[in-house]
């Protein structure tokens, strides 16, 4: 869901996932990294952006938090 939300924000700004240049992934359980990688590959199938993935204490029982930096076209 986090990546779908990022895609929606990008589309609203006139961009798409290909415009993302950096992603930060924060996992409540770093053991979830393999599953996250599989979902991530669906959103960034070719030429994925630079990424960091870390284990983190997340608020409210969240399992994942993702931030992204994109360059807007033009």
PDB file of N, CA and C in Angstrom:
ATOM      1  N   UNK A   1       0.815  -1.200   0.000  1.00  0.00           N
ATOM      2  CA  UNK A   1       0.000   0.000   0.000  1.00  0.00           C
ATOM      3  C   UNK A   1       0.864   1.272   0.000  1.00  0.00           C
ATOM      4  N   UNK A   2       1.988   1.248   0.708  1.00  0.00           N
ATOM      5  CA  UNK A   2       2.851   2.430   0.758  1.00  0.00           C
ATOM      6  C   UNK A   2       3.337   2.821  -0.640  1.00  0.00           C
ATOM      7  N   UNK A   3       3.733   1.848  -1.437  1.00  0.00           N
ATOM      8  CA  UNK A   3       4.213   2.152  -2.788  1.00  0.00           C
ATOM      9  C   UNK A   3       3.079   2.613  -3.694  1.00  0.00           C
ATOM     10  N   UNK A   4       1.883   2.098  -3.493  1.00  0.00           N
ATOM     11  CA  UNK A   4       0.727   2.579  -4.255  1.00  0.00           C
ATOM     12  C   UNK A   4       0.446   4.041  -3.916  1.00  0.00           C
ATOM     13  N   UNK A   5       0.586   4.401  -2.638  1.00  0.00           N
ATOM     14  CA  UNK A   5       0.383   5.800  -2.234  1.00  0.00           C
ATOM     15  C   UNK A   5       1.431   6.710  -2.855  1.00  0.00           C
ATOM     16  N   UNK A   6       2.670   6.247  -2.878  1.00  0.00           N
ATOM     17  CA  UNK A   6       3.737   7.040  -3.503  1.00  0.00           C
ATOM     18  C   UNK A   6       3.436   7.243  -4.978  1.00  0.00           C
ATOM     19  N   UNK A   7       2.997   6.179  -5.647  1.00  0.00           N
ATOM     20  CA  UNK A   7       2.662   6.300  -7.070  1.00  0.00           C
ATOM     21  C   UNK A   7       1.535   7.324  -7.273  1.00  0.00           C
ATOM     22  N   UNK A   8       0.521   7.310  -6.421  1.00  0.00           N
ATOM     23  CA  UNK A   8      -0.599   8.255  -6.546  1.00  0.00           C
ATOM     24  C   UNK A   8      -0.134   9.703  -6.373  1.00  0.00           C
ATOM     25  N   UNK A   9       0.749   9.946  -5.425  1.00  0.00           N
ATOM     26  CA  UNK A   9       1.279  11.295  -5.215  1.00  0.00           C
ATOM     27  C   UNK A   9       2.087  11.741  -6.438  1.00  0.00           C
ATOM     28  N   UNK A  10       2.886  10.845  -6.973  1.00  0.00           N
ATOM     29  CA  UNK A  10       3.677  11.175  -8.158  1.00  0.00           C
ATOM     30  C   UNK A  10       2.783  11.524  -9.347  1.00  0.00           C
ATOM     31  N   UNK A  11       1.767  10.704  -9.573  1.00  0.00           N
ATOM     32  CA  UNK A  11       0.859  10.949 -10.696  1.00  0.00           C
ATOM     33  C   UNK A  11       0.175  12.307 -10.531  1.00  0.00           C
ATOM     34  N   UNK A  12      -0.247  12.627  -9.322  1.00  0.00           N
ATOM     35  CA  UNK A  12      -0.883  13.927  -9.066  1.00  0.00           C
ATOM     36  C   UNK A  12       0.063  15.082  -9.363  1.00  0.00           C
ATOM     37  N   UNK A  13       1.366  14.836  -9.238  1.00  0.00           N
ATOM     38  CA  UNK A  13       2.367  15.880  -9.497  1.00  0.00           C
ATOM     39  C   UNK A  13       2.859  15.863 -10.945  1.00  0.00           C
ATOM     40  N   UNK A  14       2.314  14.969 -11.760  1.00  0.00           N
ATOM     41  CA  UNK A  14       2.730  14.896 -13.160  1.00  0.00           C
ATOM     42  C   UNK A  14       3.944  14.027 -13.388  1.00  0.00           C
ATOM     43  N   UNK A  15       4.217  13.117 -12.488  1.00  0.00           N
ATOM     44  CA  UNK A  15       5.383  12.236 -12.594  1.00  0.00           C
ATOM     45  C   UNK A  15       4.924  10.778 -12.483  1.00  0.00           C
ATOM     46  N   UNK A  16       5.874   9.866 -12.494  1.00  0.00           N
ATOM     47  CA  UNK A  16       5.559   8.463 -12.257  1.00  0.00           C
ATOM     48  C   UNK A  16       6.748   7.788 -11.577  1.00  0.00           C
ATOM     49  N   UNK A  17       6.624   6.501 -11.350  1.00  0.00           N
ATOM     50  CA  UNK A  17       7.648   5.765 -10.600  1.00  0.00           C
ATOM     51  C   UNK A  17       9.021   5.815 -11.285  1.00  0.00           C
ATOM     52  N   UNK A  18       9.058   6.015 -12.588  1.00  0.00           N
ATOM     53  CA  UNK A  18      10.352   6.110 -13.292  1.00  0.00           C
ATOM     54  C   UNK A  18      11.116   7.370 -12.916  1.00  0.00           C
ATOM     55  N   UNK A  19      10.431   8.337 -12.320  1.00  0.00           N
ATOM     56  CA  UNK A  19      11.070   9.587 -11.917  1.00  0.00           C
ATOM     57  C   UNK A  19      11.676   9.525 -10.516  1.00  0.00           C
ATOM     58  N   UNK A  20      11.467   8.416  -9.811  1.00  0.00           N
ATOM     59  CA  UNK A  20      12.011   8.253  -8.457  1.00  0.00           C
ATOM     60  C   UNK A  20      13.509   7.984  -8.546  1.00  0.00           C
ATOM     61  N   UNK A  21      14.297   8.726  -7.768  1.00  0.00           N
ATOM     62  CA  UNK A  21      15.751   8.561  -7.790  1.00  0.00           C
ATOM     63  C   UNK A  21      16.310   7.962  -6.500  1.00  0.00           C
ATOM     64  N   UNK A  22      15.512   7.998  -5.421  1.00  0.00           N
ATOM     65  CA  UNK A  22      15.979   7.434  -4.142  1.00  0.00           C
ATOM     66  C   UNK A  22      14.772   7.015  -3.314  1.00  0.00           C
ATOM     67  N   UNK A  23      14.920   5.859  -2.660  1.00  0.00           N
ATOM     68  CA  UNK A  23      13.861   5.339  -1.798  1.00  0.00           C
ATOM     69  C   UNK A  23      14.481   4.925  -0.466  1.00  0.00           C
ATOM     70  N   UNK A  24      13.782   5.228   0.614  1.00  0.00           N
ATOM     71  CA  UNK A  24      14.159   4.758   1.952  1.00  0.00           C
ATOM     72  C   UNK A  24      13.067   3.832   2.460  1.00  0.00           C
ATOM     73  N   UNK A  25      13.440   2.631   2.845  1.00  0.00           N
ATOM     74  CA  UNK A  25      12.475   1.650   3.354  1.00  0.00           C
ATOM     75  C   UNK A  25      12.820   1.364   4.806  1.00  0.00           C
ATOM     76  N   UNK A  26      11.823   1.482   5.669  1.00  0.00           N
ATOM     77  CA  UNK A  26      11.989   1.232   7.097  1.00  0.00           C
ATOM     78  C   UNK A  26      11.064   0.086   7.473  1.00  0.00           C
ATOM     79  N   UNK A  27      11.638  -1.006   7.958  1.00  0.00           N
ATOM     80  CA  UNK A  27      10.864  -2.200   8.288  1.00  0.00           C
ATOM     81  C   UNK A  27      10.851  -2.430   9.788  1.00  0.00           C
ATOM     82  N   UNK A  28       9.676  -2.718  10.330  1.00  0.00           N
ATOM     83  CA  UNK A  28       9.574  -3.044  11.749  1.00  0.00           C
ATOM     84  C   UNK A  28      10.317  -4.341  12.042  1.00  0.00           C
ATOM     85  N   UNK A  29      10.340  -5.255  11.070  1.00  0.00           N
ATOM     86  CA  UNK A  29      11.051  -6.522  11.211  1.00  0.00           C
ATOM     87  C   UNK A  29      11.918  -6.709   9.974  1.00  0.00           C
ATOM     88  N   UNK A  30      13.205  -6.601  10.123  1.00  0.00           N
ATOM     89  CA  UNK A  30      14.111  -6.687   8.975  1.00  0.00           C
ATOM     90  C   UNK A  30      14.006  -8.043   8.272  1.00  0.00           C
ATOM     91  N   UNK A  31      13.468  -9.035   8.941  1.00  0.00           N
ATOM     92  CA  UNK A  31      13.245 -10.340   8.310  1.00  0.00           C
ATOM     93  C   UNK A  31      12.220 -10.252   7.183  1.00  0.00           C
ATOM     94  N   UNK A  32      11.459  -9.164   7.120  1.00  0.00           N
ATOM     95  CA  UNK A  32      10.488  -8.951   6.047  1.00  0.00           C
ATOM     96  C   UNK A  32      11.136  -8.402   4.779  1.00  0.00           C
ATOM     97  N   UNK A  33      12.440  -8.231   4.773  1.00  0.00           N
ATOM     98  CA  UNK A  33      13.138  -7.629   3.628  1.00  0.00           C
ATOM     99  C   UNK A  33      12.931  -8.423   2.347  1.00  0.00           C
ATOM    100  N   UNK A  34      12.961  -9.741   2.416  1.00  0.00           N
ATOM    101  CA  UNK A  34      12.786 -10.550   1.205  1.00  0.00           C
ATOM    102  C   UNK A  34      11.411 -10.315   0.587  1.00  0.00           C
ATOM    103  N   UNK A  35      10.364 -10.334   1.407  1.00  0.00           N
ATOM    104  CA  UNK A  35       9.014 -10.103   0.895  1.00  0.00           C
ATOM    105  C   UNK A  35       8.892  -8.679   0.341  1.00  0.00           C
ATOM    106  N   UNK A  36       9.495  -7.715   1.029  1.00  0.00           N
ATOM    107  CA  UNK A  36       9.466  -6.338   0.558  1.00  0.00           C
ATOM    108  C   UNK A  36      10.160  -6.226  -0.794  1.00  0.00           C
ATOM    109  N   UNK A  37      11.282  -6.915  -0.966  1.00  0.00           N
ATOM    110  CA  UNK A  37      12.003  -6.877  -2.239  1.00  0.00           C
ATOM    111  C   UNK A  37      11.143  -7.377  -3.394  1.00  0.00           C
ATOM    112  N   UNK A  38      10.328  -8.390  -3.133  1.00  0.00           N
ATOM    113  CA  UNK A  38       9.466  -8.935  -4.184  1.00  0.00           C
ATOM    114  C   UNK A  38       8.418  -7.904  -4.608  1.00  0.00           C
ATOM    115  N   UNK A  39       7.810  -7.227  -3.644  1.00  0.00           N
ATOM    116  CA  UNK A  39       6.818  -6.199  -3.962  1.00  0.00           C
ATOM    117  C   UNK A  39       7.500  -5.005  -4.628  1.00  0.00           C
ATOM    118  N   UNK A  40       8.649  -4.620  -4.109  1.00  0.00           N
ATOM    119  CA  UNK A  40       9.409  -3.489  -4.652  1.00  0.00           C
ATOM    120  C   UNK A  40       9.711  -3.708  -6.139  1.00  0.00           C
ATOM    121  N   UNK A  41      10.068  -4.930  -6.494  1.00  0.00           N
ATOM    122  CA  UNK A  41      10.401  -5.243  -7.887  1.00  0.00           C
ATOM    123  C   UNK A  41       9.194  -5.080  -8.810  1.00  0.00           C
ATOM    124  N   UNK A  42       7.994  -5.215  -8.287  1.00  0.00           N
ATOM    125  CA  UNK A  42       6.795  -5.003  -9.102  1.00  0.00           C
ATOM    126  C   UNK A  42       6.634  -3.521  -9.460  1.00  0.00           C
ATOM    127  N   UNK A  43       7.045  -2.641  -8.579  1.00  0.00           N
ATOM    128  CA  UNK A  43       6.898  -1.206  -8.805  1.00  0.00           C
ATOM    129  C   UNK A  43       8.094  -0.614  -9.538  1.00  0.00           C
ATOM    130  N   UNK A  44       9.249  -1.225  -9.383  1.00  0.00           N
ATOM    131  CA  UNK A  44      10.478  -0.748 -10.030  1.00  0.00           C
ATOM    132  C   UNK A  44      11.093  -1.924 -10.794  1.00  0.00           C
ATOM    133  N   UNK A  45      10.427  -2.344 -11.869  1.00  0.00           N
ATOM    134  CA  UNK A  45      10.826  -3.542 -12.608  1.00  0.00           C
ATOM    135  C   UNK A  45      12.161  -3.366 -13.331  1.00  0.00           C
ATOM    136  N   UNK A  46      12.409  -2.166 -13.847  1.00  0.00           N
ATOM    137  CA  UNK A  46      13.671  -1.943 -14.552  1.00  0.00           C
ATOM    138  C   UNK A  46      14.310  -0.661 -14.041  1.00  0.00           C
ATOM    139  N   UNK A  47      15.609  -0.664 -13.966  1.00  0.00           N
ATOM    140  CA  UNK A  47      16.377   0.497 -13.530  1.00  0.00           C
ATOM    141  C   UNK A  47      15.869   1.066 -12.202  1.00  0.00           C
ATOM    142  N   UNK A  48      15.850   0.250 -11.143  1.00  0.00           N
ATOM    143  CA  UNK A  48      15.342   0.734  -9.855  1.00  0.00           C
ATOM    144  C   UNK A  48      16.214   1.850  -9.284  1.00  0.00           C
ATOM    145  N   UNK A  49      15.601   2.750  -8.511  1.00  0.00           N
ATOM    146  CA  UNK A  49      16.353   3.849  -7.915  1.00  0.00           C
ATOM    147  C   UNK A  49      17.250   3.362  -6.776  1.00  0.00           C
ATOM    148  N   UNK A  50      18.163   4.219  -6.363  1.00  0.00           N
ATOM    149  CA  UNK A  50      18.991   3.931  -5.188  1.00  0.00           C
ATOM    150  C   UNK A  50      18.062   3.705  -4.002  1.00  0.00           C
ATOM    151  N   UNK A  51      18.459   2.787  -3.101  1.00  0.00           N
ATOM    152  CA  UNK A  51      17.578   2.463  -1.985  1.00  0.00           C
ATOM    153  C   UNK A  51      18.375   2.106  -0.745  1.00  0.00           C
ATOM    154  N   UNK A  52      17.831   2.497   0.392  1.00  0.00           N
ATOM    155  CA  UNK A  52      18.319   1.997   1.677  1.00  0.00           C
ATOM    156  C   UNK A  52      17.155   1.259   2.317  1.00  0.00           C
ATOM    157  N   UNK A  53      17.481   0.183   3.030  1.00  0.00           N
ATOM    158  CA  UNK A  53      16.483  -0.575   3.783  1.00  0.00           C
ATOM    159  C   UNK A  53      17.053  -0.822   5.163  1.00  0.00           C
ATOM    160  N   UNK A  54      16.297  -0.417   6.181  1.00  0.00           N
ATOM    161  CA  UNK A  54      16.766  -0.573   7.552  1.00  0.00           C
ATOM    162  C   UNK A  54      15.632  -1.067   8.435  1.00  0.00           C
ATOM    163  N   UNK A  55      16.017  -1.732   9.508  1.00  0.00           N
ATOM    164  CA  UNK A  55      15.063  -2.093  10.538  1.00  0.00           C
ATOM    165  C   UNK A  55      14.849  -0.882  11.426  1.00  0.00           C
ATOM    166  N   UNK A  56      13.596  -0.657  11.837  1.00  0.00           N
ATOM    167  CA  UNK A  56      13.293   0.543  12.621  1.00  0.00           C
ATOM    168  C   UNK A  56      12.090   0.299  13.525  1.00  0.00           C
ATOM    169  N   UNK A  57      12.064   0.990  14.638  1.00  0.00           N
ATOM    170  CA  UNK A  57      10.885   0.996  15.498  1.00  0.00           C
ATOM    171  C   UNK A  57       9.897   1.981  14.880  1.00  0.00           C
ATOM    172  N   UNK A  58       8.773   1.474  14.402  1.00  0.00           N
ATOM    173  CA  UNK A  58       7.803   2.310  13.708  1.00  0.00           C
ATOM    174  C   UNK A  58       6.609   2.603  14.612  1.00  0.00           C
ATOM    175  N   UNK A  59       6.035   3.781  14.484  1.00  0.00           N
ATOM    176  CA  UNK A  59       4.921   4.157  15.358  1.00  0.00           C
ATOM    177  C   UNK A  59       3.624   3.439  14.994  1.00  0.00           C
ATOM    178  N   UNK A  60       2.758   3.296  15.963  1.00  0.00           N
ATOM    179  CA  UNK A  60       1.406   2.818  15.724  1.00  0.00           C
ATOM    180  C   UNK A  60       1.283   1.404  15.217  1.00  0.00           C
ATOM    181  N   UNK A  61       2.290   0.595  15.426  1.00  0.00           N
ATOM    182  CA  UNK A  61       2.217  -0.786  14.960  1.00  0.00           C
ATOM    183  C   UNK A  61       2.443  -0.958  13.468  1.00  0.00           C
ATOM    184  N   UNK A  62       2.920   0.089  12.796  1.00  0.00           N
ATOM    185  CA  UNK A  62       3.199  -0.008  11.360  1.00  0.00           C
ATOM    186  C   UNK A  62       4.271  -1.053  11.102  1.00  0.00           C
ATOM    187  N   UNK A  63       4.147  -1.750   9.984  1.00  0.00           N
ATOM    188  CA  UNK A  63       5.131  -2.759   9.609  1.00  0.00           C
ATOM    189  C   UNK A  63       6.181  -2.201   8.647  1.00  0.00           C
ATOM    190  N   UNK A  64       5.784  -1.196   7.873  1.00  0.00           N
ATOM    191  CA  UNK A  64       6.703  -0.619   6.890  1.00  0.00           C
ATOM    192  C   UNK A  64       6.410   0.870   6.739  1.00  0.00           C
ATOM    193  N   UNK A  65       7.459   1.613   6.481  1.00  0.00           N
ATOM    194  CA  UNK A  65       7.345   3.030   6.123  1.00  0.00           C
ATOM    195  C   UNK A  65       8.307   3.251   4.972  1.00  0.00           C
ATOM    196  N   UNK A  66       7.861   3.982   3.961  1.00  0.00           N
ATOM    197  CA  UNK A  66       8.691   4.200   2.772  1.00  0.00           C
ATOM    198  C   UNK A  66       8.653   5.671   2.408  1.00  0.00           C
ATOM    199  N   UNK A  67       9.831   6.230   2.121  1.00  0.00           N
ATOM    200  CA  UNK A  67       9.875   7.584   1.575  1.00  0.00           C
ATOM    201  C   UNK A  67      10.561   7.525   0.215  1.00  0.00           C
ATOM    202  N   UNK A  68      10.281   8.509  -0.609  1.00  0.00           N
ATOM    203  CA  UNK A  68      10.854   8.517  -1.951  1.00  0.00           C
ATOM    204  C   UNK A  68      11.171   9.954  -2.359  1.00  0.00           C
ATOM    205  N   UNK A  69      12.219  10.080  -3.154  1.00  0.00           N
ATOM    206  CA  UNK A  69      12.612  11.351  -3.740  1.00  0.00           C
ATOM    207  C   UNK A  69      12.503  11.173  -5.264  1.00  0.00           C
ATOM    208  N   UNK A  70      11.806  12.094  -5.901  1.00  0.00           N
ATOM    209  CA  UNK A  70      11.644  12.014  -7.355  1.00  0.00           C
ATOM    210  C   UNK A  70      12.016  13.351  -7.983  1.00  0.00           C
ATOM    211  N   UNK A  71      12.485  13.283  -9.215  1.00  0.00           N
ATOM    212  CA  UNK A  71      12.749  14.482 -10.013  1.00  0.00           C
ATOM    213  C   UNK A  71      11.568  14.660 -10.956  1.00  0.00           C
ATOM    214  N   UNK A  72      10.894  15.794 -10.848  1.00  0.00           N
ATOM    215  CA  UNK A  72       9.747  16.032 -11.716  1.00  0.00           C
ATOM    216  C   UNK A  72      10.207  16.284 -13.144  1.00  0.00           C
ATOM    217  N   UNK A  73       9.447  15.777 -14.112  1.00  0.00           N
ATOM    218  CA  UNK A  73       9.814  16.006 -15.510  1.00  0.00           C
ATOM    219  C   UNK A  73       9.837  17.507 -15.816  1.00  0.00           C
ATOM    220  N   UNK A  74      10.760  17.874 -16.704  1.00  0.00           N
ATOM    221  CA  UNK A  74      10.843  19.261 -17.139  1.00  0.00           C
ATOM    222  C   UNK A  74      11.603  20.065 -16.174  1.00  0.00           C
TER     223      UNK A  74
END
